[in-house]
Amino acid sequence: MTIRHTIEQVAELPPALAAALGIFVLALIVLVARGLLRLPDHTRLSSPEARERARRRTESRRRQQKLRARRESLQRRPRRRWIRLPPAAPPTP
């Protein structure tokens, strides 16, 4: 059975039955949308202990990232400082 055949079957229904079917389909769509919107937020941590662990983990990541950036900048700094330049040419008389 194709979609076109199904649409033709619905079109052949009496107007009151087609309207009732349309209202039922719209109500079903609204109920599904409302149910999806009312689902609990799965990203929110429920227990206070879990929230505290997540907060500490985030702070630790930030701290480690700052330390890593500082370590890398300190490692780059001596390389810049100790670059040997070629000897200067003697002044021309």
Protein backbone atom coordinates (compact mmCIF):
# COMPACT_ATOMS: atom_id res chain seq x y z
CA MET A 1 0.00 0.00 0.00
CA THR A 2 1.54 3.31 -1.06
CA ILE A 3 1.18 6.66 0.60
CA ARG A 4 -0.81 7.94 -2.33
CA HIS A 5 -3.29 5.09 -1.96
CA THR A 6 -3.59 5.79 1.79
CA ILE A 7 -4.18 9.50 1.16
CA GLU A 8 -6.88 8.64 -1.35
CA GLN A 9 -8.54 6.35 1.21
CA VAL A 10 -8.57 9.15 3.81
CA ALA A 11 -9.93 11.57 1.21
CA GLU A 12 -12.84 9.21 0.58
CA LEU A 13 -13.87 9.27 4.28
CA PRO A 14 -16.90 11.32 5.31
CA PRO A 15 -15.94 14.88 6.34
CA ALA A 16 -16.78 14.39 10.04
CA LEU A 17 -14.66 11.25 10.27
CA ALA A 18 -11.76 12.91 8.40
CA ALA A 19 -11.93 15.88 10.79
CA ALA A 20 -11.96 13.56 13.80
CA LEU A 21 -8.97 11.67 12.40
CA GLY A 22 -7.13 14.97 11.79
CA ILE A 23 -7.81 16.16 15.34
CA PHE A 24 -6.64 12.82 16.71
CA VAL A 25 -3.38 12.99 14.74
CA LEU A 26 -2.75 16.59 15.86
CA ALA A 27 -3.45 15.67 19.49
CA LEU A 28 -1.05 12.75 19.21
CA ILE A 29 1.68 15.04 17.85
CA VAL A 30 1.07 17.56 20.65
CA LEU A 31 1.19 14.85 23.33
CA VAL A 32 4.44 13.44 21.97
CA ALA A 33 6.01 16.92 21.85
CA ARG A 34 4.83 17.73 25.38
CA GLY A 35 6.16 14.40 26.66
CA LEU A 36 9.56 15.06 25.09
CA LEU A 37 9.70 18.55 26.58
CA ARG A 38 8.80 17.31 30.06
CA LEU A 39 11.50 14.67 30.20
CA PRO A 40 13.86 15.21 33.13
CA ASP A 41 17.10 17.00 32.39
CA HIS A 42 19.61 14.18 32.05
CA THR A 43 22.57 16.61 32.06
CA ARG A 44 21.86 17.86 35.60
CA LEU A 45 23.51 15.88 38.34
CA SER A 46 21.02 14.79 40.95
CA SER A 47 23.09 14.21 44.08
CA PRO A 48 25.00 16.99 45.86
CA GLU A 49 28.07 14.75 46.07
CA ALA A 50 28.09 14.29 42.30
CA ARG A 51 27.74 18.05 41.77
CA GLU A 52 30.67 18.67 44.13
CA ARG A 53 32.83 16.08 42.35
CA ALA A 54 32.02 17.68 39.00
CA ARG A 55 32.89 21.14 40.34
CA ARG A 56 36.23 19.90 41.74
CA ARG A 57 37.00 18.10 38.49
CA THR A 58 36.35 21.28 36.50
CA GLU A 59 38.57 23.35 38.81
CA SER A 60 41.32 20.74 38.60
CA ARG A 61 41.17 20.77 34.80
CA ARG A 62 41.46 24.56 34.76
CA ARG A 63 44.39 24.46 37.18
CA GLN A 64 46.17 21.79 35.15
CA GLN A 65 45.59 23.72 31.93
CA LYS A 66 47.13 26.88 33.44
CA LEU A 67 50.10 24.90 34.77
CA ARG A 68 50.61 23.25 31.40
CA ALA A 69 50.52 26.60 29.59
CA ARG A 70 53.00 28.11 32.08
CA ARG A 71 55.35 25.12 31.76
CA GLU A 72 55.27 25.34 27.97
CA SER A 73 55.93 29.08 28.00
CA LEU A 74 58.85 28.58 30.40
CA GLN A 75 60.28 25.91 28.11
CA ARG A 76 59.98 28.21 25.10
CA ARG A 77 61.51 31.21 26.88
CA PRO A 78 65.12 29.86 27.27
CA ARG A 79 65.24 28.85 23.62
CA ARG A 80 64.52 32.42 22.62
CA ARG A 81 67.07 33.81 25.07
CA TRP A 82 70.02 31.63 24.05
CA ILE A 83 69.89 31.97 20.27
CA ARG A 84 73.41 32.61 19.03
CA LEU A 85 73.76 35.38 16.51
CA PRO A 86 76.50 35.28 13.89
CA PRO A 87 79.49 37.47 14.71
CA ALA A 88 79.10 41.03 13.58
CA ALA A 89 81.07 42.11 10.58
CA PRO A 90 83.96 44.44 11.40
CA PRO A 91 83.27 48.10 10.60
CA THR A 92 84.54 49.24 7.20
CA PRO A 93 87.18 51.99 7.26
